[in-house]
Amino acid sequence: MSTARLRQRVEADFPAPGAAAGVLALLEGFVDELRAGARDDGWEDWAERVQAAVVLLARGSVGRLGDAMSSGLVDWRDLLVASELADGDWPARLDLELGPRRPG
């Protein structure tokens, strides 16, 4: 499940009617496929980080979204590097790009 702040970013980046819902469904399927090899600890943060990397790289283009997801299936860490979410400051970068995380 995508976080509220990620959903808001997707809605802003993909404003065409129905586009955001389609992108969010693709992102959910993408992380579900990646999750098969992931640890369970920290899953929510990891999923948001990887989904955000795809959205940031897509920059509102469905074509770039597909390219990013294809690349991520080969090695999801490449997405983090390309979107500048690989370093220790990634939580601050997510806050900058998506807005602060809401408690709850």
PDB file of N, CA and C in Angstrom:
ATOM      1  N   MET A   1       0.834  -1.177   0.000  1.00  0.00           N
ATOM      2  CA  MET A   1       0.000   0.000   0.000  1.00  0.00           C
ATOM      3  C   MET A   1       0.884   1.248   0.000  1.00  0.00           C
ATOM      4  N   SER A   2       0.546   2.194  -0.818  1.00  0.00           N
ATOM      5  CA  SER A   2       1.308   3.432  -0.920  1.00  0.00           C
ATOM      6  C   SER A   2       0.944   4.378   0.212  1.00  0.00           C
ATOM      7  N   THR A   3       1.913   5.178   0.631  1.00  0.00           N
ATOM      8  CA  THR A   3       1.664   6.157   1.672  1.00  0.00           C
ATOM      9  C   THR A   3       0.857   7.327   1.106  1.00  0.00           C
ATOM     10  N   ALA A   4       0.224   8.077   1.987  1.00  0.00           N
ATOM     11  CA  ALA A   4      -0.585   9.227   1.567  1.00  0.00           C
ATOM     12  C   ALA A   4       0.261  10.244   0.809  1.00  0.00           C
ATOM     13  N   ARG A   5       1.456  10.490   1.291  1.00  0.00           N
ATOM     14  CA  ARG A   5       2.279  11.507   0.628  1.00  0.00           C
ATOM     15  C   ARG A   5       2.758  11.048  -0.744  1.00  0.00           C
ATOM     16  N   LEU A   6       2.986   9.757  -0.914  1.00  0.00           N
ATOM     17  CA  LEU A   6       3.357   9.247  -2.230  1.00  0.00           C
ATOM     18  C   LEU A   6       2.158   9.327  -3.173  1.00  0.00           C
ATOM     19  N   ARG A   7       0.981   8.989  -2.681  1.00  0.00           N
ATOM     20  CA  ARG A   7      -0.229   9.090  -3.510  1.00  0.00           C
ATOM     21  C   ARG A   7      -0.433  10.526  -3.984  1.00  0.00           C
ATOM     22  N   GLN A   8      -0.222  11.486  -3.099  1.00  0.00           N
ATOM     23  CA  GLN A   8      -0.367  12.894  -3.482  1.00  0.00           C
ATOM     24  C   GLN A   8       0.626  13.278  -4.575  1.00  0.00           C
ATOM     25  N   ARG A   9       1.847  12.788  -4.467  1.00  0.00           N
ATOM     26  CA  ARG A   9       2.859  13.102  -5.479  1.00  0.00           C
ATOM     27  C   ARG A   9       2.475  12.479  -6.819  1.00  0.00           C
ATOM     28  N   VAL A  10       2.013  11.245  -6.791  1.00  0.00           N
ATOM     29  CA  VAL A  10       1.594  10.574  -8.030  1.00  0.00           C
ATOM     30  C   VAL A  10       0.431  11.331  -8.664  1.00  0.00           C
ATOM     31  N   GLU A  11      -0.532  11.750  -7.858  1.00  0.00           N
ATOM     32  CA  GLU A  11      -1.673  12.509  -8.388  1.00  0.00           C
ATOM     33  C   GLU A  11      -1.216  13.824  -9.022  1.00  0.00           C
ATOM     34  N   ALA A  12      -0.211  14.464  -8.442  1.00  0.00           N
ATOM     35  CA  ALA A  12       0.314  15.714  -8.998  1.00  0.00           C
ATOM     36  C   ALA A  12       1.102  15.466 -10.280  1.00  0.00           C
ATOM     37  N   ASP A  13       1.886  14.389 -10.304  1.00  0.00           N
ATOM     38  CA  ASP A  13       2.742  14.106 -11.461  1.00  0.00           C
ATOM     39  C   ASP A  13       1.983  13.472 -12.627  1.00  0.00           C
ATOM     40  N   PHE A  14       0.880  12.795 -12.343  1.00  0.00           N
ATOM     41  CA  PHE A  14       0.094  12.100 -13.370  1.00  0.00           C
ATOM     42  C   PHE A  14      -1.363  12.562 -13.267  1.00  0.00           C
ATOM     43  N   PRO A  15      -1.641  13.822 -13.690  1.00  0.00           N
ATOM     44  CA  PRO A  15      -2.964  14.417 -13.457  1.00  0.00           C
ATOM     45  C   PRO A  15      -4.078  13.985 -14.412  1.00  0.00           C
ATOM     46  N   ALA A  16      -3.767  13.317 -15.490  1.00  0.00           N
ATOM     47  CA  ALA A  16      -4.815  12.906 -16.435  1.00  0.00           C
ATOM     48  C   ALA A  16      -5.826  12.009 -15.722  1.00  0.00           C
ATOM     49  N   PRO A  17      -7.098  12.104 -16.103  1.00  0.00           N
ATOM     50  CA  PRO A  17      -8.117  11.273 -15.445  1.00  0.00           C
ATOM     51  C   PRO A  17      -7.748   9.781 -15.461  1.00  0.00           C
ATOM     52  N   GLY A  18      -7.731   9.195 -14.283  1.00  0.00           N
ATOM     53  CA  GLY A  18      -7.438   7.771 -14.152  1.00  0.00           C
ATOM     54  C   GLY A  18      -5.965   7.407 -14.159  1.00  0.00           C
ATOM     55  N   ALA A  19      -5.104   8.343 -14.529  1.00  0.00           N
ATOM     56  CA  ALA A  19      -3.671   8.030 -14.643  1.00  0.00           C
ATOM     57  C   ALA A  19      -3.055   7.695 -13.292  1.00  0.00           C
ATOM     58  N   ALA A  20      -3.360   8.487 -12.272  1.00  0.00           N
ATOM     59  CA  ALA A  20      -2.759   8.262 -10.957  1.00  0.00           C
ATOM     60  C   ALA A  20      -3.144   6.890 -10.412  1.00  0.00           C
ATOM     61  N   ALA A  21      -4.395   6.509 -10.569  1.00  0.00           N
ATOM     62  CA  ALA A  21      -4.843   5.199 -10.078  1.00  0.00           C
ATOM     63  C   ALA A  21      -4.097   4.080 -10.795  1.00  0.00           C
ATOM     64  N   GLY A  22      -3.889   4.229 -12.084  1.00  0.00           N
ATOM     65  CA  GLY A  22      -3.137   3.228 -12.839  1.00  0.00           C
ATOM     66  C   GLY A  22      -1.686   3.151 -12.407  1.00  0.00           C
ATOM     67  N   VAL A  23      -1.070   4.310 -12.198  1.00  0.00           N
ATOM     68  CA  VAL A  23       0.329   4.353 -11.756  1.00  0.00           C
ATOM     69  C   VAL A  23       0.457   3.723 -10.373  1.00  0.00           C
ATOM     70  N   LEU A  24      -0.447   4.047  -9.471  1.00  0.00           N
ATOM     71  CA  LEU A  24      -0.385   3.468  -8.128  1.00  0.00           C
ATOM     72  C   LEU A  24      -0.540   1.951  -8.169  1.00  0.00           C
ATOM     73  N   ALA A  25      -1.402   1.449  -9.034  1.00  0.00           N
ATOM     74  CA  ALA A  25      -1.555  -0.001  -9.172  1.00  0.00           C
ATOM     75  C   ALA A  25      -0.269  -0.632  -9.696  1.00  0.00           C
ATOM     76  N   LEU A  26       0.362   0.023 -10.661  1.00  0.00           N
ATOM     77  CA  LEU A  26       1.635  -0.483 -11.185  1.00  0.00           C
ATOM     78  C   LEU A  26       2.707  -0.496 -10.091  1.00  0.00           C
ATOM     79  N   LEU A  27       2.766   0.566  -9.300  1.00  0.00           N
ATOM     80  CA  LEU A  27       3.757   0.643  -8.223  1.00  0.00           C
ATOM     81  C   LEU A  27       3.527  -0.450  -7.182  1.00  0.00           C
ATOM     82  N   GLU A  28       2.276  -0.726  -6.868  1.00  0.00           N
ATOM     83  CA  GLU A  28       1.970  -1.790  -5.903  1.00  0.00           C
ATOM     84  C   GLU A  28       2.444  -3.142  -6.430  1.00  0.00           C
ATOM     85  N   GLY A  29       2.133  -3.418  -7.685  1.00  0.00           N
ATOM     86  CA  GLY A  29       2.582  -4.675  -8.281  1.00  0.00           C
ATOM     87  C   GLY A  29       4.097  -4.776  -8.330  1.00  0.00           C
ATOM     88  N   PHE A  30       4.728  -3.658  -8.607  1.00  0.00           N
ATOM     89  CA  PHE A  30       6.187  -3.612  -8.682  1.00  0.00           C
ATOM     90  C   PHE A  30       6.825  -3.986  -7.341  1.00  0.00           C
ATOM     91  N   VAL A  31       6.376  -3.348  -6.256  1.00  0.00           N
ATOM     92  CA  VAL A  31       6.990  -3.661  -4.970  1.00  0.00           C
ATOM     93  C   VAL A  31       6.596  -5.054  -4.483  1.00  0.00           C
ATOM     94  N   ASP A  32       5.415  -5.522  -4.858  1.00  0.00           N
ATOM     95  CA  ASP A  32       5.040  -6.896  -4.499  1.00  0.00           C
ATOM     96  C   ASP A  32       5.990  -7.889  -5.145  1.00  0.00           C
ATOM     97  N   GLU A  33       6.348  -7.619  -6.395  1.00  0.00           N
ATOM     98  CA  GLU A  33       7.288  -8.498  -7.089  1.00  0.00           C
ATOM     99  C   GLU A  33       8.672  -8.445  -6.449  1.00  0.00           C
ATOM    100  N   LEU A  34       9.088  -7.256  -6.058  1.00  0.00           N
ATOM    101  CA  LEU A  34      10.396  -7.120  -5.411  1.00  0.00           C
ATOM    102  C   LEU A  34      10.398  -7.710  -4.005  1.00  0.00           C
ATOM    103  N   ARG A  35       9.259  -7.666  -3.345  1.00  0.00           N
ATOM    104  CA  ARG A  35       9.194  -8.091  -1.949  1.00  0.00           C
ATOM    105  C   ARG A  35       9.553  -9.563  -1.763  1.00  0.00           C
ATOM    106  N   ALA A  36       9.401 -10.360  -2.783  1.00  0.00           N
ATOM    107  CA  ALA A  36       9.710 -11.789  -2.670  1.00  0.00           C
ATOM    108  C   ALA A  36      11.110 -12.011  -2.107  1.00  0.00           C
ATOM    109  N   GLY A  37      12.047 -11.118  -2.429  1.00  0.00           N
ATOM    110  CA  GLY A  37      13.408 -11.287  -1.946  1.00  0.00           C
ATOM    111  C   GLY A  37      13.792 -10.350  -0.824  1.00  0.00           C
ATOM    112  N   ALA A  38      12.820  -9.605  -0.293  1.00  0.00           N
ATOM    113  CA  ALA A  38      13.140  -8.597   0.729  1.00  0.00           C
ATOM    114  C   ALA A  38      12.919  -9.132   2.132  1.00  0.00           C
ATOM    115  N   ARG A  39      13.586  -8.508   3.079  1.00  0.00           N
ATOM    116  CA  ARG A  39      13.356  -8.812   4.498  1.00  0.00           C
ATOM    117  C   ARG A  39      12.064  -8.138   4.928  1.00  0.00           C
ATOM    118  N   ASP A  40      11.470  -8.636   5.992  1.00  0.00           N
ATOM    119  CA  ASP A  40      10.230  -8.045   6.485  1.00  0.00           C
ATOM    120  C   ASP A  40      10.455  -6.815   7.349  1.00  0.00           C
ATOM    121  N   ASP A  41      11.617  -6.712   7.991  1.00  0.00           N
ATOM    122  CA  ASP A  41      11.847  -5.558   8.859  1.00  0.00           C
ATOM    123  C   ASP A  41      12.006  -4.282   8.029  1.00  0.00           C
ATOM    124  N   GLY A  42      11.303  -3.254   8.431  1.00  0.00           N
ATOM    125  CA  GLY A  42      11.384  -1.988   7.724  1.00  0.00           C
ATOM    126  C   GLY A  42      10.697  -1.988   6.377  1.00  0.00           C
ATOM    127  N   TRP A  43       9.764  -2.923   6.154  1.00  0.00           N
ATOM    128  CA  TRP A  43       9.145  -3.068   4.830  1.00  0.00           C
ATOM    129  C   TRP A  43       8.445  -1.794   4.382  1.00  0.00           C
ATOM    130  N   GLU A  44       7.705  -1.145   5.256  1.00  0.00           N
ATOM    131  CA  GLU A  44       6.943   0.032   4.841  1.00  0.00           C
ATOM    132  C   GLU A  44       7.861   1.148   4.351  1.00  0.00           C
ATOM    133  N   ASP A  45       8.919   1.434   5.105  1.00  0.00           N
ATOM    134  CA  ASP A  45       9.871   2.468   4.677  1.00  0.00           C
ATOM    135  C   ASP A  45      10.546   2.080   3.373  1.00  0.00           C
ATOM    136  N   TRP A  46      10.925   0.817   3.244  1.00  0.00           N
ATOM    137  CA  TRP A  46      11.600   0.354   2.032  1.00  0.00           C
ATOM    138  C   TRP A  46      10.674   0.482   0.824  1.00  0.00           C
ATOM    139  N   ALA A  47       9.426   0.068   0.983  1.00  0.00           N
ATOM    140  CA  ALA A  47       8.473   0.124  -0.128  1.00  0.00           C
ATOM    141  C   ALA A  47       8.251   1.568  -0.573  1.00  0.00           C
ATOM    142  N   GLU A  48       8.071   2.475   0.376  1.00  0.00           N
ATOM    143  CA  GLU A  48       7.866   3.880   0.000  1.00  0.00           C
ATOM    144  C   GLU A  48       9.102   4.425  -0.707  1.00  0.00           C
ATOM    145  N   ARG A  49      10.249   4.089  -0.212  1.00  0.00           N
ATOM    146  CA  ARG A  49      11.511   4.585  -0.794  1.00  0.00           C
ATOM    147  C   ARG A  49      11.677   4.103  -2.233  1.00  0.00           C
ATOM    148  N   VAL A  50      11.417   2.837  -2.482  1.00  0.00           N
ATOM    149  CA  VAL A  50      11.569   2.291  -3.836  1.00  0.00           C
ATOM    150  C   VAL A  50      10.488   2.839  -4.768  1.00  0.00           C
ATOM    151  N   GLN A  51       9.255   2.914  -4.284  1.00  0.00           N
ATOM    152  CA  GLN A  51       8.186   3.481  -5.112  1.00  0.00           C
ATOM    153  C   GLN A  51       8.472   4.948  -5.423  1.00  0.00           C
ATOM    154  N   ALA A  52       8.934   5.691  -4.438  1.00  0.00           N
ATOM    155  CA  ALA A  52       9.266   7.099  -4.659  1.00  0.00           C
ATOM    156  C   ALA A  52      10.388   7.238  -5.677  1.00  0.00           C
ATOM    157  N   ALA A  53      11.362   6.363  -5.619  1.00  0.00           N
ATOM    158  CA  ALA A  53      12.453   6.407  -6.593  1.00  0.00           C
ATOM    159  C   ALA A  53      11.908   6.278  -8.008  1.00  0.00           C
ATOM    160  N   VAL A  54      10.984   5.360  -8.213  1.00  0.00           N
ATOM    161  CA  VAL A  54      10.377   5.175  -9.538  1.00  0.00           C
ATOM    162  C   VAL A  54       9.638   6.438  -9.959  1.00  0.00           C
ATOM    163  N   VAL A  55       8.840   7.002  -9.060  1.00  0.00           N
ATOM    164  CA  VAL A  55       8.059   8.200  -9.379  1.00  0.00           C
ATOM    165  C   VAL A  55       8.970   9.385  -9.689  1.00  0.00           C
ATOM    166  N   LEU A  56      10.021   9.554  -8.909  1.00  0.00           N
ATOM    167  CA  LEU A  56      10.947  10.664  -9.144  1.00  0.00           C
ATOM    168  C   LEU A  56      11.638  10.521 -10.498  1.00  0.00           C
ATOM    169  N   LEU A  57      12.025   9.307 -10.829  1.00  0.00           N
ATOM    170  CA  LEU A  57      12.688   9.089 -12.117  1.00  0.00           C
ATOM    171  C   LEU A  57      11.714   9.241 -13.281  1.00  0.00           C
ATOM    172  N   ALA A  58      10.453   8.933 -13.066  1.00  0.00           N
ATOM    173  CA  ALA A  58       9.457   9.022 -14.136  1.00  0.00           C
ATOM    174  C   ALA A  58       9.168  10.472 -14.526  1.00  0.00           C
ATOM    175  N   ARG A  59       9.218  11.372 -13.557  1.00  0.00           N
ATOM    176  CA  ARG A  59       8.952  12.793 -13.822  1.00  0.00           C
ATOM    177  C   ARG A  59       7.680  12.990 -14.653  1.00  0.00           C
ATOM    178  N   GLY A  60       6.625  12.255 -14.291  1.00  0.00           N
ATOM    179  CA  GLY A  60       5.339  12.441 -14.937  1.00  0.00           C
ATOM    180  C   GLY A  60       5.137  11.697 -16.242  1.00  0.00           C
ATOM    181  N   SER A  61       6.090  10.884 -16.654  1.00  0.00           N
ATOM    182  CA  SER A  61       6.001  10.143 -17.915  1.00  0.00           C
ATOM    183  C   SER A  61       5.751   8.661 -17.648  1.00  0.00           C
ATOM    184  N   VAL A  62       4.677   8.148 -18.238  1.00  0.00           N
ATOM    185  CA  VAL A  62       4.384   6.725 -18.088  1.00  0.00           C
ATOM    186  C   VAL A  62       5.494   5.885 -18.722  1.00  0.00           C
ATOM    187  N   GLY A  63       6.061   6.353 -19.810  1.00  0.00           N
ATOM    188  CA  GLY A  63       7.166   5.643 -20.451  1.00  0.00           C
ATOM    189  C   GLY A  63       8.380   5.528 -19.546  1.00  0.00           C
ATOM    190  N   ARG A  64       8.746   6.646 -18.919  1.00  0.00           N
ATOM    191  CA  ARG A  64       9.884   6.620 -17.988  1.00  0.00           C
ATOM    192  C   ARG A  64       9.563   5.789 -16.749  1.00  0.00           C
ATOM    193  N   LEU A  65       8.289   5.783 -16.345  1.00  0.00           N
ATOM    194  CA  LEU A  65       7.867   4.952 -15.221  1.00  0.00           C
ATOM    195  C   LEU A  65       8.144   3.481 -15.535  1.00  0.00           C
ATOM    196  N   GLY A  66       7.739   3.051 -16.721  1.00  0.00           N
ATOM    197  CA  GLY A  66       7.988   1.665 -17.137  1.00  0.00           C
ATOM    198  C   GLY A  66       9.467   1.349 -17.219  1.00  0.00           C
ATOM    199  N   ASP A  67      10.240   2.296 -17.749  1.00  0.00           N
ATOM    200  CA  ASP A  67      11.692   2.090 -17.833  1.00  0.00           C
ATOM    201  C   ASP A  67      12.299   1.931 -16.441  1.00  0.00           C
ATOM    202  N   ALA A  68      11.866   2.774 -15.505  1.00  0.00           N
ATOM    203  CA  ALA A  68      12.406   2.707 -14.144  1.00  0.00           C
ATOM    204  C   ALA A  68      12.043   1.377 -13.487  1.00  0.00           C
ATOM    205  N   MET A  69      10.806   0.937 -13.665  1.00  0.00           N
ATOM    206  CA  MET A  69      10.403  -0.335 -13.055  1.00  0.00           C
ATOM    207  C   MET A  69      11.164  -1.497 -13.679  1.00  0.00           C
ATOM    208  N   SER A  70      11.369  -1.465 -14.979  1.00  0.00           N
ATOM    209  CA  SER A  70      12.146  -2.527 -15.635  1.00  0.00           C
ATOM    210  C   SER A  70      13.564  -2.564 -15.094  1.00  0.00           C
ATOM    211  N   SER A  71      14.166  -1.398 -14.957  1.00  0.00           N
ATOM    212  CA  SER A  71      15.514  -1.311 -14.395  1.00  0.00           C
ATOM    213  C   SER A  71      15.533  -1.825 -12.967  1.00  0.00           C
ATOM    214  N   GLY A  72      14.524  -1.458 -12.192  1.00  0.00           N
ATOM    215  CA  GLY A  72      14.455  -1.861 -10.801  1.00  0.00           C
ATOM    216  C   GLY A  72      14.285  -3.354 -10.605  1.00  0.00           C
ATOM    217  N   LEU A  73      13.663  -4.018 -11.559  1.00  0.00           N
ATOM    218  CA  LEU A  73      13.522  -5.471 -11.459  1.00  0.00           C
ATOM    219  C   LEU A  73      14.860  -6.171 -11.644  1.00  0.00           C
ATOM    220  N   VAL A  74      15.774  -5.521 -12.363  1.00  0.00           N
ATOM    221  CA  VAL A  74      17.125  -6.064 -12.519  1.00  0.00           C
ATOM    222  C   VAL A  74      17.902  -5.844 -11.220  1.00  0.00           C
ATOM    223  N   ASP A  75      17.883  -4.605 -10.714  1.00  0.00           N
ATOM    224  CA  ASP A  75      18.540  -4.282  -9.440  1.00  0.00           C
ATOM    225  C   ASP A  75      17.916  -3.007  -8.885  1.00  0.00           C
ATOM    226  N   TRP A  76      17.062  -3.157  -7.877  1.00  0.00           N
ATOM    227  CA  TRP A  76      16.333  -2.023  -7.321  1.00  0.00           C
ATOM    228  C   TRP A  76      17.262  -0.981  -6.718  1.00  0.00           C
ATOM    229  N   ARG A  77      18.470  -1.370  -6.354  1.00  0.00           N
ATOM    230  CA  ARG A  77      19.409  -0.404  -5.769  1.00  0.00           C
ATOM    231  C   ARG A  77      19.821   0.653  -6.786  1.00  0.00           C
ATOM    232  N   ASP A  78      19.809   0.295  -8.073  1.00  0.00           N
ATOM    233  CA  ASP A  78      20.108   1.282  -9.111  1.00  0.00           C
ATOM    234  C   ASP A  78      19.090   2.422  -9.108  1.00  0.00           C
ATOM    235  N   LEU A  79      17.835   2.101  -8.795  1.00  0.00           N
ATOM    236  CA  LEU A  79      16.804   3.141  -8.700  1.00  0.00           C
ATOM    237  C   LEU A  79      17.142   4.134  -7.599  1.00  0.00           C
ATOM    238  N   LEU A  80      17.597   3.605  -6.470  1.00  0.00           N
ATOM    239  CA  LEU A  80      17.922   4.484  -5.342  1.00  0.00           C
ATOM    240  C   LEU A  80      19.078   5.411  -5.687  1.00  0.00           C
ATOM    241  N   VAL A  81      20.073   4.892  -6.369  1.00  0.00           N
ATOM    242  CA  VAL A  81      21.222   5.717  -6.760  1.00  0.00           C
ATOM    243  C   VAL A  81      20.783   6.792  -7.749  1.00  0.00           C
ATOM    244  N   ALA A  82      20.049   6.396  -8.780  1.00  0.00           N
ATOM    245  CA  ALA A  82      19.637   7.339  -9.823  1.00  0.00           C
ATOM    246  C   ALA A  82      18.707   8.426  -9.300  1.00  0.00           C
ATOM    247  N   SER A  83      17.912   8.117  -8.296  1.00  0.00           N
ATOM    248  CA  SER A  83      16.968   9.091  -7.749  1.00  0.00           C
ATOM    249  C   SER A  83      17.514   9.833  -6.525  1.00  0.00           C
ATOM    250  N   GLU A  84      18.770   9.577  -6.199  1.00  0.00           N
ATOM    251  CA  GLU A  84      19.446  10.206  -5.058  1.00  0.00           C
ATOM    252  C   GLU A  84      18.797   9.822  -3.725  1.00  0.00           C
ATOM    253  N   LEU A  85      18.339   8.565  -3.641  1.00  0.00           N
ATOM    254  CA  LEU A  85      17.774   8.045  -2.403  1.00  0.00           C
ATOM    255  C   LEU A  85      18.621   6.916  -1.828  1.00  0.00           C
ATOM    256  N   ALA A  86      19.879   6.826  -2.256  1.00  0.00           N
ATOM    257  CA  ALA A  86      20.744   5.729  -1.816  1.00  0.00           C
ATOM    258  C   ALA A  86      21.553   6.063  -0.566  1.00  0.00           C
ATOM    259  N   ASP A  87      21.756   7.336  -0.303  1.00  0.00           N
ATOM    260  CA  ASP A  87      22.626   7.726   0.800  1.00  0.00           C
ATOM    261  C   ASP A  87      21.855   7.843   2.113  1.00  0.00           C
ATOM    262  N   GLY A  88      22.580   8.053   3.165  1.00  0.00           N
ATOM    263  CA  GLY A  88      21.996   8.108   4.497  1.00  0.00           C
ATOM    264  C   GLY A  88      20.995   9.226   4.705  1.00  0.00           C
ATOM    265  N   ASP A  89      21.016  10.227   3.834  1.00  0.00           N
ATOM    266  CA  ASP A  89      20.070  11.339   3.970  1.00  0.00           C
ATOM    267  C   ASP A  89      18.761  11.095   3.222  1.00  0.00           C
ATOM    268  N   TRP A  90      18.514   9.849   2.800  1.00  0.00           N
ATOM    269  CA  TRP A  90      17.321   9.574   2.008  1.00  0.00           C
ATOM    270  C   TRP A  90      16.025   9.963   2.717  1.00  0.00           C
ATOM    271  N   PRO A  91      15.890   9.835   4.053  1.00  0.00           N
ATOM    272  CA  PRO A  91      14.623  10.267   4.656  1.00  0.00           C
ATOM    273  C   PRO A  91      14.361  11.770   4.458  1.00  0.00           C
ATOM    274  N   ALA A  92      15.405  12.580   4.568  1.00  0.00           N
ATOM    275  CA  ALA A  92      15.257  14.018   4.365  1.00  0.00           C
ATOM    276  C   ALA A  92      14.917  14.321   2.910  1.00  0.00           C
ATOM    277  N   ARG A  93      15.523  13.579   1.992  1.00  0.00           N
ATOM    278  CA  ARG A  93      15.209  13.786   0.568  1.00  0.00           C
ATOM    279  C   ARG A  93      13.758  13.412   0.277  1.00  0.00           C
ATOM    280  N   LEU A  94      13.277  12.331   0.878  1.00  0.00           N
ATOM    281  CA  LEU A  94      11.866  11.966   0.690  1.00  0.00           C
ATOM    282  C   LEU A  94      10.959  13.063   1.246  1.00  0.00           C
ATOM    283  N   ASP A  95      11.303  13.599   2.406  1.00  0.00           N
ATOM    284  CA  ASP A  95      10.511  14.690   2.973  1.00  0.00           C
ATOM    285  C   ASP A  95      10.497  15.890   2.030  1.00  0.00           C
ATOM    286  N   LEU A  96      11.626  16.173   1.416  1.00  0.00           N
ATOM    287  CA  LEU A  96      11.719  17.295   0.483  1.00  0.00           C
ATOM    288  C   LEU A  96      10.846  17.049  -0.751  1.00  0.00           C
ATOM    289  N   GLU A  97      10.886  15.848  -1.282  1.00  0.00           N
ATOM    290  CA  GLU A  97      10.168  15.531  -2.517  1.00  0.00           C
ATOM    291  C   GLU A  97       8.683  15.233  -2.299  1.00  0.00           C
ATOM    292  N   LEU A  98       8.341  14.614  -1.173  1.00  0.00           N
ATOM    293  CA  LEU A  98       6.967  14.157  -0.951  1.00  0.00           C
ATOM    294  C   LEU A  98       6.234  14.930   0.128  1.00  0.00           C
ATOM    295  N   GLY A  99       6.962  15.724   0.889  1.00  0.00           N
ATOM    296  CA  GLY A  99       6.369  16.380   2.047  1.00  0.00           C
ATOM    297  C   GLY A  99       6.635  15.540   3.279  1.00  0.00           C
ATOM    298  N   PRO A 100       6.462  16.133   4.445  1.00  0.00           N
ATOM    299  CA  PRO A 100       6.749  15.392   5.681  1.00  0.00           C
ATOM    300  C   PRO A 100       5.783  14.229   5.873  1.00  0.00           C
ATOM    301  N   ARG A 101       6.293  13.195   6.488  1.00  0.00           N
ATOM    302  CA  ARG A 101       5.466  12.029   6.809  1.00  0.00           C
ATOM    303  C   ARG A 101       4.521  12.418   7.936  1.00  0.00           C
ATOM    304  N   ARG A 102       3.278  12.048   7.760  1.00  0.00           N
ATOM    305  CA  ARG A 102       2.285  12.320   8.800  1.00  0.00           C
ATOM    306  C   ARG A 102       2.282  11.186   9.808  1.00  0.00           C
ATOM    307  N   PRO A 103       2.266  11.514  11.087  1.00  0.00           N
ATOM    308  CA  PRO A 103       2.216  10.444  12.096  1.00  0.00           C
ATOM    309  C   PRO A 103       0.886   9.692  12.005  1.00  0.00           C
ATOM    310  N   GLY A 104       0.962   8.429  12.393  1.00  0.00           N
ATOM    311  CA  GLY A 104      -0.274   7.675  12.432  1.00  0.00           C
ATOM    312  C   GLY A 104      -0.179   6.467  11.634  1.00  0.00           C
TER     313      GLY A 104
END
